[in-house]
Protein backbone atom coordinates (compact mmCIF):
# COMPACT_ATOMS: atom_id res chain seq x y z
CA MET A 1 22.05 6.15 -3.11
CA ALA A 2 23.59 9.07 -5.40
CA GLU A 3 23.61 12.57 -3.73
CA LEU A 4 20.18 14.46 -4.76
CA THR A 5 20.07 16.38 -7.73
CA ARG A 6 19.11 20.26 -7.49
CA GLN A 7 15.55 19.23 -8.44
CA GLN A 8 15.36 16.91 -5.65
CA LYS A 9 16.62 19.42 -3.09
CA PHE A 10 13.92 21.91 -4.05
CA LEU A 11 11.23 18.92 -3.90
CA LYS A 12 12.37 18.17 -0.73
CA PHE A 13 12.01 21.65 0.57
CA LEU A 14 8.38 22.18 -1.04
CA PHE A 15 7.40 18.83 0.73
CA GLN A 16 8.22 20.25 4.01
CA VAL A 17 6.19 23.54 3.46
CA LEU A 18 3.26 22.59 1.08
CA PRO A 19 -0.08 21.77 2.36
CA HIS A 20 -0.28 18.36 1.61
CA HIS A 21 -3.93 17.65 2.04
CA ALA A 22 -4.97 20.82 0.24
CA VAL A 23 -2.85 19.97 -2.48
CA SER A 24 -4.21 16.07 -2.56
CA ARG A 25 -7.78 17.79 -2.25
CA VAL A 26 -7.68 19.56 -5.58
CA VAL A 27 -5.75 16.15 -7.17
CA TYR A 28 -8.78 13.95 -5.87
CA LEU A 29 -11.44 16.58 -7.64
CA ALA A 30 -9.51 16.88 -10.68
CA THR A 31 -9.06 13.22 -11.41
CA ARG A 32 -12.96 12.88 -10.76
CA LEU A 33 -14.17 15.67 -13.40
CA ARG A 34 -16.08 14.16 -16.34
CA GLY A 35 -16.01 15.67 -20.20
CA PRO A 36 -13.63 15.70 -22.90
CA GLN A 37 -10.53 16.30 -21.64
CA VAL A 38 -10.65 12.85 -19.87
CA LYS A 39 -9.50 10.96 -23.01
CA PRO A 40 -6.55 12.81 -23.82
CA MET A 41 -5.32 13.07 -20.27
CA ILE A 42 -5.35 9.16 -20.08
CA ASN A 43 -3.85 9.07 -23.19
CA TRP A 44 -0.96 11.12 -22.46
CA PHE A 45 -0.50 9.18 -19.05
CA ILE A 46 -0.46 5.68 -20.48
CA GLU A 47 2.09 7.18 -22.96
CA ARG A 48 4.33 9.23 -20.53
CA TYR A 49 4.28 6.33 -18.13
CA GLY A 50 4.18 3.02 -20.53
CA VAL A 51 1.11 1.65 -19.12
CA ASP A 52 0.20 -1.93 -20.07
CA MET A 53 -3.31 -1.35 -21.05
CA SER A 54 -3.24 -5.17 -22.42
CA GLU A 55 -3.79 -6.60 -19.08
CA ALA A 56 -6.77 -4.17 -18.45
CA ALA A 57 -10.37 -5.62 -18.33
CA GLU A 58 -11.36 -2.36 -20.51
CA ALA A 59 -7.99 -1.19 -22.59
CA GLU A 60 -9.76 1.70 -24.22
CA ALA A 61 -8.96 4.88 -22.84
CA GLY A 62 -12.52 6.33 -24.08
CA PHE A 63 -14.17 3.68 -21.83
CA TYR A 64 -13.33 5.36 -18.74
CA GLN A 65 -15.38 8.56 -17.20
CA THR A 66 -12.92 9.97 -15.01
CA PHE A 67 -9.14 9.59 -14.76
CA ASN A 68 -9.82 8.00 -11.41
CA GLU A 69 -11.80 5.02 -13.23
CA PHE A 70 -8.83 4.48 -15.39
CA PHE A 71 -6.27 4.49 -12.53
CA THR A 72 -8.31 2.47 -10.55
CA ARG A 73 -8.66 0.09 -13.27
CA PRO A 74 -9.77 -3.72 -12.91
CA LEU A 75 -7.43 -6.19 -14.58
CA ARG A 76 -8.77 -9.14 -17.18
CA ASP A 77 -9.90 -12.32 -15.30
CA GLY A 78 -6.86 -14.63 -14.90
CA THR A 79 -3.88 -11.71 -15.59
CA ARG A 80 -2.80 -12.19 -11.88
CA PRO A 81 -2.94 -15.88 -10.96
CA ILE A 82 -2.79 -16.24 -6.79
CA ALA A 83 -0.24 -18.34 -5.34
CA PRO A 84 -2.03 -21.78 -4.23
CA GLY A 85 -2.01 -23.47 -0.67
CA ASP A 86 -2.97 -22.44 2.72
CA ASN A 87 0.80 -21.84 3.77
CA THR A 88 1.81 -19.55 0.98
CA LEU A 89 2.09 -16.38 0.87
CA ALA A 90 0.72 -14.05 -2.00
CA CYS A 91 1.98 -10.57 -2.76
CA PRO A 92 -1.07 -8.33 -2.13
CA CYS A 93 -0.30 -5.79 -5.10
CA ASP A 94 2.15 -5.06 -7.98
CA GLY A 95 5.09 -2.91 -7.04
CA THR A 96 8.66 -2.78 -5.87
CA ILE A 97 9.71 -4.17 -2.75
CA SER A 98 11.06 -1.33 -1.19
CA GLN A 99 12.42 -3.18 1.94
CA ALA A 100 11.70 -6.73 3.24
CA GLY A 101 13.35 -8.40 6.50
CA PRO A 102 12.81 -9.33 10.01
CA ILE A 103 11.70 -6.61 12.48
CA ARG A 104 14.47 -6.45 15.26
CA ALA A 105 12.88 -5.43 18.72
CA GLY A 106 9.61 -3.74 17.13
CA ALA A 107 11.77 -1.71 14.51
CA VAL A 108 11.54 -1.89 10.67
CA LEU A 109 13.97 -0.33 8.30
CA GLN A 110 13.21 2.32 5.98
CA ALA A 111 16.11 3.03 4.14
CA LYS A 112 19.91 4.11 4.55
CA GLY A 113 20.21 2.16 7.67
CA ARG A 114 17.36 4.33 9.32
CA GLY A 115 14.20 3.15 10.67
CA TYR A 116 11.12 3.37 12.32
CA SER A 117 9.43 1.40 15.10
CA VAL A 118 5.92 -0.77 14.56
CA LEU A 119 4.10 0.91 17.39
CA GLU A 120 4.65 4.38 15.76
CA LEU A 121 3.71 2.61 12.44
CA LEU A 122 0.45 1.68 14.32
CA GLY A 123 -0.59 4.78 16.10
CA GLY A 124 0.82 4.19 19.34
CA ASP A 125 -1.62 0.64 19.77
CA LYS A 126 0.57 -1.37 21.89
CA GLN A 127 -2.09 -3.92 21.54
CA MET A 128 -1.83 -4.07 17.77
CA ALA A 129 1.70 -3.94 17.66
CA ALA A 130 2.91 -6.58 20.32
CA PRO A 131 2.85 -9.43 18.06
CA PHE A 132 5.07 -8.10 15.64
CA ALA A 133 7.89 -7.02 17.69
CA ASN A 134 9.96 -9.39 16.46
CA GLY A 135 8.39 -10.36 13.16
CA LYS A 136 8.87 -9.90 9.51
CA PHE A 137 7.74 -6.92 7.09
CA ALA A 138 7.81 -6.31 3.64
CA THR A 139 7.39 -2.60 2.26
CA ILE A 140 5.91 -2.27 -1.33
CA TYR A 141 5.63 0.59 -3.63
CA LEU A 142 2.87 1.11 -6.15
CA ALA A 143 4.51 3.01 -9.21
CA PRO A 144 2.21 5.60 -11.05
CA HIS A 145 1.94 3.00 -14.01
CA GLN A 146 0.94 -0.26 -12.02
CA TYR A 147 -2.45 -1.86 -10.73
CA HIS A 148 -3.50 -0.13 -7.75
CA ARG A 149 -5.97 -2.42 -6.04
CA LEU A 150 -4.48 -4.42 -3.22
CA HIS A 151 -5.79 -8.01 -2.61
CA MET A 152 -5.52 -10.58 0.16
CA PRO A 153 -2.22 -12.47 0.78
CA LEU A 154 -3.91 -14.98 2.89
CA ALA A 155 -7.40 -15.98 3.84
CA ALA A 156 -8.67 -14.06 7.22
CA ASN A 157 -10.68 -12.66 9.20
CA LEU A 158 -10.61 -8.68 9.88
CA VAL A 159 -10.55 -7.79 13.08
CA ARG A 160 -9.87 -4.11 13.65
CA MET A 161 -8.61 -0.97 11.67
CA LEU A 162 -7.44 2.04 12.44
CA HIS A 163 -7.18 4.98 10.50
CA ILE A 164 -4.29 7.36 11.47
CA PRO A 165 -4.05 10.87 10.17
CA GLY A 166 -0.58 12.55 9.15
CA ARG A 167 1.27 13.95 6.58
CA LEU A 168 1.37 13.32 3.08
CA PHE A 169 4.87 13.47 1.78
CA SER A 170 5.70 11.69 -1.22
CA VAL A 171 6.91 7.84 -1.30
CA ALA A 172 9.41 7.75 -4.11
CA GLU A 173 12.67 6.11 -3.72
CA TRP A 174 14.76 9.14 -3.06
CA THR A 175 12.16 10.84 -0.53
CA VAL A 176 12.18 7.21 1.68
CA ALA A 177 15.96 7.63 1.37
CA GLU A 178 15.57 11.07 2.57
CA ILE A 179 12.95 11.82 4.69
CA PRO A 180 13.15 10.04 8.26
CA ARG A 181 10.20 8.00 9.73
CA ILE A 182 8.26 8.78 6.41
CA PHE A 183 6.04 5.70 6.69
CA ALA A 184 5.27 6.79 10.59
CA ARG A 185 4.40 10.03 9.65
CA ASN A 186 2.39 9.85 6.66
CA GLU A 187 -1.55 9.49 6.90
CA ARG A 188 -1.99 5.57 6.80
CA LEU A 189 -4.54 2.74 7.34
CA ALA A 190 -3.59 -0.33 9.55
CA CYS A 191 -5.83 -3.23 9.04
CA LEU A 192 -5.37 -6.45 11.31
CA PHE A 193 -6.39 -9.60 10.42
CA GLN A 194 -6.10 -13.08 11.87
CA THR A 195 -5.47 -16.07 9.82
CA GLU A 196 -4.35 -19.61 10.16
CA ASN A 197 -0.86 -18.90 10.29
CA GLY A 198 -1.29 -15.75 13.12
CA PRO A 199 -1.83 -12.07 12.77
CA LEU A 200 -1.58 -10.00 9.71
CA VAL A 201 -1.45 -6.53 9.36
CA MET A 202 -1.70 -4.56 6.13
CA VAL A 203 -0.62 -0.53 6.48
CA LEU A 204 -1.72 1.09 3.39
CA VAL A 205 0.25 4.58 3.47
CA GLY A 206 -0.90 7.52 1.73
CA ALA A 207 1.19 9.96 0.03
CA ILE A 208 0.71 13.63 -1.94
CA ASN A 209 -1.53 13.29 -4.33
CA VAL A 210 -3.03 10.14 -2.48
CA SER A 211 -5.76 11.09 -0.16
CA ALA A 212 -8.28 8.81 -0.61
CA ILE A 213 -7.93 4.96 0.37
CA GLU A 214 -11.01 2.72 0.17
CA THR A 215 -11.58 -0.70 1.61
CA VAL A 216 -14.02 -3.31 -0.12
CA TRP A 217 -15.90 -3.49 3.08
CA THR A 218 -16.40 0.49 3.98
CA GLY A 219 -15.64 2.12 0.75
CA GLN A 220 -13.90 5.38 0.77
CA ILE A 221 -12.07 5.68 4.72
CA VAL A 222 -9.71 8.68 4.46
CA PRO A 223 -11.62 11.65 5.41
CA PRO A 224 -10.14 15.16 4.35
CA GLY A 225 -8.69 17.04 8.01
CA ALA A 226 -9.00 14.13 10.08
CA LYS A 227 -6.84 15.01 13.62
CA LYS A 228 -7.31 12.09 15.86
CA ILE A 229 -7.25 8.35 15.10
CA ASN A 230 -10.19 6.49 14.25
CA GLU A 231 -10.84 2.90 15.29
CA PHE A 232 -13.20 0.28 13.49
CA ASP A 233 -13.75 -2.96 15.52
CA PHE A 234 -14.74 -5.56 13.40
CA SER A 235 -14.09 -8.38 16.23
CA HIS A 236 -17.75 -9.59 16.43
CA THR A 237 -18.78 -9.45 12.68
CA ARG A 238 -16.62 -12.40 11.35
CA LYS A 239 -15.73 -10.75 8.25
CA GLU A 240 -14.02 -13.51 6.37
CA ILE A 241 -12.15 -12.55 3.38
CA ALA A 242 -10.51 -15.11 0.84
CA LYS A 243 -6.98 -15.22 -0.35
CA GLY A 244 -6.70 -13.12 -3.27
CA ALA A 245 -10.47 -10.95 -3.07
CA GLU A 246 -9.68 -7.26 -3.16
CA MET A 247 -9.41 -5.47 0.14
CA GLY A 248 -9.00 -2.26 -1.25
CA ARG A 249 -7.35 0.46 -3.41
CA PHE A 250 -5.43 3.70 -3.76
CA ASN A 251 -6.88 6.35 -5.70
CA MET A 252 -3.55 7.56 -6.83
CA GLY A 253 -0.24 5.35 -6.01
CA SER A 254 1.31 4.70 -2.36
CA THR A 255 3.07 1.80 -0.43
CA CYS A 256 1.69 -1.21 0.95
CA ILE A 257 3.61 -2.44 4.52
CA LEU A 258 3.09 -5.74 5.33
CA LEU A 259 3.92 -6.72 9.04
CA MET A 260 4.27 -10.66 9.53
CA PRO A 261 4.65 -13.25 12.76
CA GLY A 262 8.20 -14.47 12.91
CA ASN A 263 7.24 -17.91 11.60
CA VAL A 264 6.95 -16.51 7.98
CA GLU A 265 10.19 -17.08 5.58
CA TRP A 266 10.50 -14.45 2.76
CA LEU A 267 11.66 -16.45 -0.48
CA PRO A 268 15.47 -15.39 -0.84
CA HIS A 269 14.85 -13.24 -3.61
CA VAL A 270 12.31 -10.82 -1.88
CA GLN A 271 14.84 -8.16 -1.38
CA ALA A 272 14.85 -4.54 -1.95
CA GLY A 273 14.57 -3.69 -5.44
CA LEU A 274 12.71 -6.80 -6.95
CA ALA A 275 9.46 -5.99 -8.96
CA VAL A 276 6.71 -7.80 -7.90
CA LYS A 277 2.88 -8.82 -9.05
CA MET A 278 -0.32 -9.07 -7.41
CA GLY A 279 -0.52 -13.12 -6.34
CA GLN A 280 2.98 -14.25 -6.69
CA MET A 281 4.27 -15.94 -4.33
CA ILE A 282 6.62 -14.13 -2.05
CA GLY A 283 6.84 -16.36 1.37
CA HIS A 284 5.61 -19.29 3.32
CA PHE A 285 5.32 -20.80 6.66
CA PRO A 286 6.76 -24.05 7.38
CA LYS A 287 4.25 -27.17 7.26
CA THR A 288 3.28 -28.20 10.99
CA SER A 289 2.83 -32.05 11.61
CA SER A 290 -0.58 -33.08 12.02
């Protein structure tokens, strides 16, 4: 990556000293205001970021009562077909592949040859981290203009969930390249599922202005100012979620990290820089003989 611009150097300094959660709380409140200012704000955002409203279930900016309603807008039925088959892995969200590949001895690549451990990403939970010590991962960045709901890449049962408090650094490409262990330092929500092909973890990583992450089974799950890890145990409830079903959303954009067992095979073109759409096939599991 090229040397940082003067503006990026200044922003990097700001990210180190800003009260991330206070800033994000202000944005949280602002994006839920109602009134005549909402439609112009949405129209500006559509033009500024090139949002494709033809895909939205409701294309008219005036339909949305708050900016957050617009930002988390649903898509028209059929806009994102789900890759069929029990052995195919569907992309959980729209975005760009930041990194994808093997997890080597529990280490995940972040950028520029630097990485972090699965164990620290999962808040030091050895039981959750163990199955992925030599597994596979994919990190997907959601840009502001993209669809911000997340869906299941496989049919699965929800087992556990960890809310892990932390910072809220920006997760733009240049900050990911410059700030060490950023995904293991930011606030995040780790969801463990069991599938027919083994365990699966989806980690929803927060960022500056992204202090509100939701799941369909709990609603908003990221409380402001949390100081310790909060665990949710679903192992006795048999919460089944179909492949392609919505599992959560970002209220403002961020990053999703998939942790998979070693038996998944990414498609050859699933590499850093690839633009992806929710539902498209990004990997598969070898078929087992019956």
